[in-house]
Amino acid sequence: MNWVFTIYIAILFFILTPSVLLRLPPKGNKYTVALVHAIVFAIIFHFTFKFVWKRSVGIPTNMRMQMQMKQPQQQQQMQMPMQMQQ
C-alpha cells in the first residue's frame, strides 16, 4: 500500500470539502454544492494522480527495506546447500 498516495487523497478531499477552502456555487443548496465539489475533486484527482503516484513510488517504505534485507539472506541460504552437495 502506498501511504503517501493515500494521504494525498485524504488531504485533497479535506481541502475540497465545501466551506473549507471555498464554496461553489456560493448560494447553492447543499446537494448542488456537494455535486460541484465532487466534480472538482474528480477533475483535480484525474489530472494529478499520475504525478503523485510516480513521485511516491520511489519513496522507500519499511516493507521494501525489510524485503531488500531478506533477499541477500535468502540467496546465501540457497547457496549453502549447493556448496554442501559439491
C-alpha atoms as a PDB file:
ATOM      1  CA  MET A   1       0.000   0.000   0.000  1.00  0.00           C
ATOM      2  CA  ASN A   2       1.238   3.443  -0.881  1.00  0.00           C
ATOM      3  CA  TRP A   3       0.676   5.628   2.196  1.00  0.00           C
ATOM      4  CA  VAL A   4       1.872   8.825   0.556  1.00  0.00           C
ATOM      5  CA  PHE A   5      -0.772   8.461  -2.141  1.00  0.00           C
ATOM      6  CA  THR A   6      -3.451   7.676   0.457  1.00  0.00           C
ATOM      7  CA  ILE A   7      -2.524  10.768   2.476  1.00  0.00           C
ATOM      8  CA  TYR A   8      -2.603  12.848  -0.721  1.00  0.00           C
ATOM      9  CA  ILE A   9      -6.179  11.718  -1.432  1.00  0.00           C
ATOM     10  CA  ALA A  10      -7.273  12.452   2.146  1.00  0.00           C
ATOM     11  CA  ILE A  11      -5.774  15.962   2.059  1.00  0.00           C
ATOM     12  CA  LEU A  12      -7.292  16.677  -1.347  1.00  0.00           C
ATOM     13  CA  PHE A  13     -10.695  15.504  -0.094  1.00  0.00           C
ATOM     14  CA  PHE A  14     -10.434  17.690   3.027  1.00  0.00           C
ATOM     15  CA  ILE A  15      -9.364  20.793   1.095  1.00  0.00           C
ATOM     16  CA  LEU A  16     -12.202  20.382  -1.395  1.00  0.00           C
ATOM     17  CA  THR A  17     -14.864  19.816   1.255  1.00  0.00           C
ATOM     18  CA  PRO A  18     -17.430  22.615   0.926  1.00  0.00           C
ATOM     19  CA  SER A  19     -16.644  25.707   3.032  1.00  0.00           C
ATOM     20  CA  VAL A  20     -13.092  24.592   3.921  1.00  0.00           C
ATOM     21  CA  LEU A  21     -11.272  26.351   1.097  1.00  0.00           C
ATOM     22  CA  LEU A  22     -14.188  27.664  -0.938  1.00  0.00           C
ATOM     23  CA  ARG A  23     -17.860  27.056  -1.599  1.00  0.00           C
ATOM     24  CA  LEU A  24     -19.119  26.619  -5.154  1.00  0.00           C
ATOM     25  CA  PRO A  25     -21.711  27.880  -6.046  1.00  0.00           C
ATOM     26  CA  PRO A  26     -21.841  30.387  -3.185  1.00  0.00           C
ATOM     27  CA  LYS A  27     -25.649  30.432  -2.797  1.00  0.00           C
ATOM     28  CA  GLY A  28     -26.437  26.874  -3.925  1.00  0.00           C
ATOM     29  CA  ASN A  29     -28.310  24.305  -1.853  1.00  0.00           C
ATOM     30  CA  LYS A  30     -26.291  21.597  -0.080  1.00  0.00           C
ATOM     31  CA  TYR A  31     -26.773  18.960  -2.804  1.00  0.00           C
ATOM     32  CA  THR A  32     -25.710  21.282  -5.603  1.00  0.00           C
ATOM     33  CA  VAL A  33     -22.651  22.372  -3.631  1.00  0.00           C
ATOM     34  CA  ALA A  34     -21.756  18.739  -2.844  1.00  0.00           C
ATOM     35  CA  LEU A  35     -22.130  17.776  -6.509  1.00  0.00           C
ATOM     36  CA  VAL A  36     -19.944  20.647  -7.725  1.00  0.00           C
ATOM     37  CA  HIS A  37     -17.245  19.862  -5.161  1.00  0.00           C
ATOM     38  CA  ALA A  38     -17.346  16.164  -6.098  1.00  0.00           C
ATOM     39  CA  ILE A  39     -16.813  17.083  -9.745  1.00  0.00           C
ATOM     40  CA  VAL A  40     -13.957  19.459  -8.856  1.00  0.00           C
ATOM     41  CA  PHE A  41     -12.362  16.691  -6.728  1.00  0.00           C
ATOM     42  CA  ALA A  42     -12.666  14.197  -9.592  1.00  0.00           C
ATOM     43  CA  ILE A  43     -11.128  16.609 -12.105  1.00  0.00           C
ATOM     44  CA  ILE A  44      -8.195  17.574  -9.873  1.00  0.00           C
ATOM     45  CA  PHE A  45      -7.602  13.933  -8.913  1.00  0.00           C
ATOM     46  CA  HIS A  46      -7.726  12.834 -12.562  1.00  0.00           C
ATOM     47  CA  PHE A  47      -5.059  15.305 -13.638  1.00  0.00           C
ATOM     48  CA  THR A  48      -2.743  14.894 -10.629  1.00  0.00           C
ATOM     49  CA  PHE A  49      -2.841  11.211  -9.622  1.00  0.00           C
ATOM     50  CA  LYS A  50      -0.148  10.044 -12.073  1.00  0.00           C
ATOM     51  CA  PHE A  51       2.194  12.815 -10.953  1.00  0.00           C
ATOM     52  CA  VAL A  52       1.729  11.990  -7.256  1.00  0.00           C
ATOM     53  CA  TRP A  53       1.874   8.218  -7.839  1.00  0.00           C
ATOM     54  CA  LYS A  54       5.148   8.401  -9.788  1.00  0.00           C
ATOM     55  CA  ARG A  55       6.730  10.634  -7.139  1.00  0.00           C
ATOM     56  CA  SER A  56       5.569   8.465  -4.246  1.00  0.00           C
ATOM     57  CA  VAL A  57       6.560   5.065  -5.668  1.00  0.00           C
ATOM     58  CA  GLY A  58      10.252   5.862  -5.304  1.00  0.00           C
ATOM     59  CA  ILE A  59       9.963   6.657  -1.585  1.00  0.00           C
ATOM     60  CA  PRO A  60      11.352   3.725   0.423  1.00  0.00           C
ATOM     61  CA  THR A  61       8.951   2.158   2.883  1.00  0.00           C
ATOM     62  CA  ASN A  62       9.612  -0.077   5.839  1.00  0.00           C
ATOM     63  CA  MET A  63       8.284  -3.109   3.946  1.00  0.00           C
ATOM     64  CA  ARG A  64      10.618  -2.525   0.982  1.00  0.00           C
ATOM     65  CA  MET A  65      13.599  -2.138   3.278  1.00  0.00           C
ATOM     66  CA  GLN A  66      12.790  -5.404   5.032  1.00  0.00           C
ATOM     67  CA  MET A  67      12.407  -7.205   1.709  1.00  0.00           C
ATOM     68  CA  GLN A  68      15.749  -5.860   0.475  1.00  0.00           C
ATOM     69  CA  MET A  69      17.436  -7.064   3.668  1.00  0.00           C
ATOM     70  CA  LYS A  70      15.887 -10.547   3.345  1.00  0.00           C
ATOM     71  CA  GLN A  71      16.929 -11.074  -0.291  1.00  0.00           C
ATOM     72  CA  PRO A  72      20.692 -11.379   0.365  1.00  0.00           C
ATOM     73  CA  GLN A  73      19.979 -13.688   3.321  1.00  0.00           C
ATOM     74  CA  GLN A  74      17.796 -15.918   1.155  1.00  0.00           C
ATOM     75  CA  GLN A  75      20.438 -16.047  -1.567  1.00  0.00           C
ATOM     76  CA  GLN A  76      23.078 -17.068   0.981  1.00  0.00           C
ATOM     77  CA  GLN A  77      20.806 -19.778   2.357  1.00  0.00           C
ATOM     78  CA  MET A  78      20.220 -21.130  -1.148  1.00  0.00           C
ATOM     79  CA  GLN A  79      23.951 -21.203  -1.910  1.00  0.00           C
ATOM     80  CA  MET A  80      24.887 -23.080   1.262  1.00  0.00           C
ATOM     81  CA  PRO A  81      23.066 -26.349   0.375  1.00  0.00           C
ATOM     82  CA  MET A  82      24.504 -26.166  -3.140  1.00  0.00           C
ATOM     83  CA  GLN A  83      28.017 -25.895  -1.738  1.00  0.00           C
ATOM     84  CA  MET A  84      27.415 -28.842   0.577  1.00  0.00           C
ATOM     85  CA  GLN A  85      26.316 -31.034  -2.334  1.00  0.00           C
ATOM     86  CA  GLN A  86      29.539 -30.373  -4.225  1.00  0.00           C
END
